[in-house]
Amino acid sequence: MSHTLLVWLVGGVVLVGAGFATTLLPTWRARGQEQRTAWSAARAAIDSAAVSRDATAARVVEAERLLARAESIAAARGGTSAARAAAEHAREADRLWRTHQ
């Protein structure tokens, strides 16, 4: 194999690799940003539900169950769908506590 052919092969591999990298890197970054945003929203919803729980004099068993489930999901971490599920449970618990004040 001649030296020129080797240079062309290496150049082609580098070019294809660069093409894959420029295509996949923005997708990976967007996915990571979406996941961080979802977990941030879930933590905020859990904190809000905990404040509502502490401010309510009545005991709401269903809300306590939902908040425990949200905290359990958050402790196990996971992907974006897990964060959304935790946030939804926490928001529902928060709503229940706010209606029983």
C-alpha atoms as a PDB file:
ATOM      1  CA  MET A   1       0.000   0.000   0.000  1.00  0.00           C
ATOM      2  CA  SER A   2       1.458   3.319  -0.977  1.00  0.00           C
ATOM      3  CA  HIS A   3       2.005   6.185   1.365  1.00  0.00           C
ATOM      4  CA  THR A   4      -0.499   8.400  -0.486  1.00  0.00           C
ATOM      5  CA  LEU A   5      -3.269   5.835  -0.184  1.00  0.00           C
ATOM      6  CA  LEU A   6      -2.680   5.547   3.559  1.00  0.00           C
ATOM      7  CA  VAL A   7      -2.936   9.329   3.948  1.00  0.00           C
ATOM      8  CA  TRP A   8      -6.226   9.369   2.027  1.00  0.00           C
ATOM      9  CA  LEU A   9      -7.639   6.528   4.135  1.00  0.00           C
ATOM     10  CA  VAL A  10      -6.679   8.206   7.413  1.00  0.00           C
ATOM     11  CA  GLY A  11      -8.072  11.515   6.146  1.00  0.00           C
ATOM     12  CA  GLY A  12     -11.344   9.832   5.164  1.00  0.00           C
ATOM     13  CA  VAL A  13     -11.688   8.172   8.560  1.00  0.00           C
ATOM     14  CA  VAL A  14     -11.002  11.484  10.321  1.00  0.00           C
ATOM     15  CA  LEU A  15     -13.532  13.250   8.090  1.00  0.00           C
ATOM     16  CA  VAL A  16     -16.239  10.658   8.755  1.00  0.00           C
ATOM     17  CA  GLY A  17     -15.487  10.755  12.491  1.00  0.00           C
ATOM     18  CA  ALA A  18     -15.743  14.545  12.503  1.00  0.00           C
ATOM     19  CA  GLY A  19     -19.074  14.311  10.684  1.00  0.00           C
ATOM     20  CA  PHE A  20     -20.464  11.926  13.286  1.00  0.00           C
ATOM     21  CA  ALA A  21     -19.172  14.100  16.115  1.00  0.00           C
ATOM     22  CA  THR A  22     -20.710  17.291  14.726  1.00  0.00           C
ATOM     23  CA  THR A  23     -24.016  15.491  14.272  1.00  0.00           C
ATOM     24  CA  LEU A  24     -24.190  13.731  17.630  1.00  0.00           C
ATOM     25  CA  LEU A  25     -22.652  16.340  19.946  1.00  0.00           C
ATOM     26  CA  PRO A  26     -25.572  18.835  19.771  1.00  0.00           C
ATOM     27  CA  THR A  27     -28.044  15.979  20.311  1.00  0.00           C
ATOM     28  CA  TRP A  28     -26.158  14.767  23.393  1.00  0.00           C
ATOM     29  CA  ARG A  29     -25.940  18.303  24.762  1.00  0.00           C
ATOM     30  CA  ALA A  30     -29.657  18.931  24.207  1.00  0.00           C
ATOM     31  CA  ARG A  31     -30.550  15.637  25.884  1.00  0.00           C
ATOM     32  CA  GLY A  32     -28.351  16.465  28.868  1.00  0.00           C
ATOM     33  CA  GLN A  33     -29.830  19.953  29.144  1.00  0.00           C
ATOM     34  CA  GLU A  34     -33.360  18.535  28.998  1.00  0.00           C
ATOM     35  CA  GLN A  35     -32.557  16.010  31.715  1.00  0.00           C
ATOM     36  CA  ARG A  36     -30.988  18.627  34.003  1.00  0.00           C
ATOM     37  CA  THR A  37     -33.983  20.918  33.504  1.00  0.00           C
ATOM     38  CA  ALA A  38     -36.457  18.123  34.248  1.00  0.00           C
ATOM     39  CA  TRP A  39     -34.646  17.163  37.466  1.00  0.00           C
ATOM     40  CA  SER A  40     -34.460  20.786  38.542  1.00  0.00           C
ATOM     41  CA  ALA A  41     -38.233  21.125  38.051  1.00  0.00           C
ATOM     42  CA  ALA A  42     -38.805  17.873  39.954  1.00  0.00           C
ATOM     43  CA  ARG A  43     -36.702  19.019  42.916  1.00  0.00           C
ATOM     44  CA  ALA A  44     -38.529  22.362  42.962  1.00  0.00           C
ATOM     45  CA  ALA A  45     -41.919  20.601  42.926  1.00  0.00           C
ATOM     46  CA  ILE A  46     -40.842  18.273  45.743  1.00  0.00           C
ATOM     47  CA  ASP A  47     -39.634  21.230  47.816  1.00  0.00           C
ATOM     48  CA  SER A  48     -42.878  23.102  47.187  1.00  0.00           C
ATOM     49  CA  ALA A  49     -44.925  20.071  48.237  1.00  0.00           C
ATOM     50  CA  ALA A  50     -42.847  19.725  51.401  1.00  0.00           C
ATOM     51  CA  VAL A  51     -43.521  23.356  52.291  1.00  0.00           C
ATOM     52  CA  SER A  52     -47.253  22.843  51.717  1.00  0.00           C
ATOM     53  CA  ARG A  53     -47.129  19.713  53.881  1.00  0.00           C
ATOM     54  CA  ASP A  54     -45.438  21.607  56.703  1.00  0.00           C
ATOM     55  CA  ALA A  55     -47.940  24.464  56.435  1.00  0.00           C
ATOM     56  CA  THR A  56     -51.006  22.233  56.573  1.00  0.00           C
ATOM     57  CA  ALA A  57     -52.443  21.239  59.924  1.00  0.00           C
ATOM     58  CA  ALA A  58     -54.492  18.366  58.511  1.00  0.00           C
ATOM     59  CA  ARG A  59     -52.971  15.019  57.642  1.00  0.00           C
ATOM     60  CA  VAL A  60     -53.614  14.047  54.007  1.00  0.00           C
ATOM     61  CA  VAL A  61     -52.618  10.416  53.546  1.00  0.00           C
ATOM     62  CA  GLU A  62     -52.835  10.409  49.747  1.00  0.00           C
ATOM     63  CA  ALA A  63     -50.634  13.495  49.502  1.00  0.00           C
ATOM     64  CA  GLU A  64     -48.092  11.946  51.861  1.00  0.00           C
ATOM     65  CA  ARG A  65     -48.037   8.819  49.706  1.00  0.00           C
ATOM     66  CA  LEU A  66     -47.538  10.866  46.540  1.00  0.00           C
ATOM     67  CA  LEU A  67     -44.723  12.916  48.058  1.00  0.00           C
ATOM     68  CA  ALA A  68     -43.001   9.770  49.330  1.00  0.00           C
ATOM     69  CA  ARG A  69     -43.260   8.283  45.840  1.00  0.00           C
ATOM     70  CA  ALA A  70     -41.815  11.451  44.287  1.00  0.00           C
ATOM     71  CA  GLU A  71     -38.930  11.458  46.757  1.00  0.00           C
ATOM     72  CA  SER A  72     -38.310   7.775  46.093  1.00  0.00           C
ATOM     73  CA  ILE A  73     -38.143   8.359  42.349  1.00  0.00           C
ATOM     74  CA  ALA A  74     -35.826  11.319  42.877  1.00  0.00           C
ATOM     75  CA  ALA A  75     -33.534   9.266  45.122  1.00  0.00           C
ATOM     76  CA  ALA A  76     -33.247   6.559  42.480  1.00  0.00           C
ATOM     77  CA  ARG A  77     -32.468   9.186  39.828  1.00  0.00           C
ATOM     78  CA  GLY A  78     -33.079   8.110  36.281  1.00  0.00           C
ATOM     79  CA  GLY A  79     -33.842   9.826  33.050  1.00  0.00           C
ATOM     80  CA  THR A  80     -36.109  12.604  31.947  1.00  0.00           C
ATOM     81  CA  SER A  81     -39.268  10.516  32.207  1.00  0.00           C
ATOM     82  CA  ALA A  82     -38.461   9.640  35.829  1.00  0.00           C
ATOM     83  CA  ALA A  83     -37.958  13.315  36.620  1.00  0.00           C
ATOM     84  CA  ARG A  84     -41.279  14.193  35.015  1.00  0.00           C
ATOM     85  CA  ALA A  85     -43.044  11.443  36.961  1.00  0.00           C
ATOM     86  CA  ALA A  86     -41.510  12.659  40.238  1.00  0.00           C
ATOM     87  CA  ALA A  87     -42.536  16.230  39.463  1.00  0.00           C
ATOM     88  CA  GLU A  88     -46.089  15.156  38.635  1.00  0.00           C
ATOM     89  CA  HIS A  89     -46.436  13.200  41.891  1.00  0.00           C
ATOM     90  CA  ALA A  90     -45.075  16.143  43.876  1.00  0.00           C
ATOM     91  CA  ARG A  91     -47.371  18.648  42.144  1.00  0.00           C
ATOM     92  CA  GLU A  92     -50.389  16.458  42.844  1.00  0.00           C
ATOM     93  CA  ALA A  93     -49.384  16.130  46.503  1.00  0.00           C
ATOM     94  CA  ASP A  94     -48.914  19.891  46.693  1.00  0.00           C
ATOM     95  CA  ARG A  95     -52.368  20.430  45.185  1.00  0.00           C
ATOM     96  CA  LEU A  96     -53.950  18.051  47.690  1.00  0.00           C
ATOM     97  CA  TRP A  97     -52.323  19.781  50.653  1.00  0.00           C
ATOM     98  CA  ARG A  98     -53.331  23.212  49.365  1.00  0.00           C
ATOM     99  CA  THR A  99     -56.965  22.161  49.010  1.00  0.00           C
ATOM    100  CA  HIS A 100     -57.062  20.767  52.586  1.00  0.00           C
ATOM    101  CA  GLN A 101     -55.867  23.927  54.299  1.00  0.00           C
END
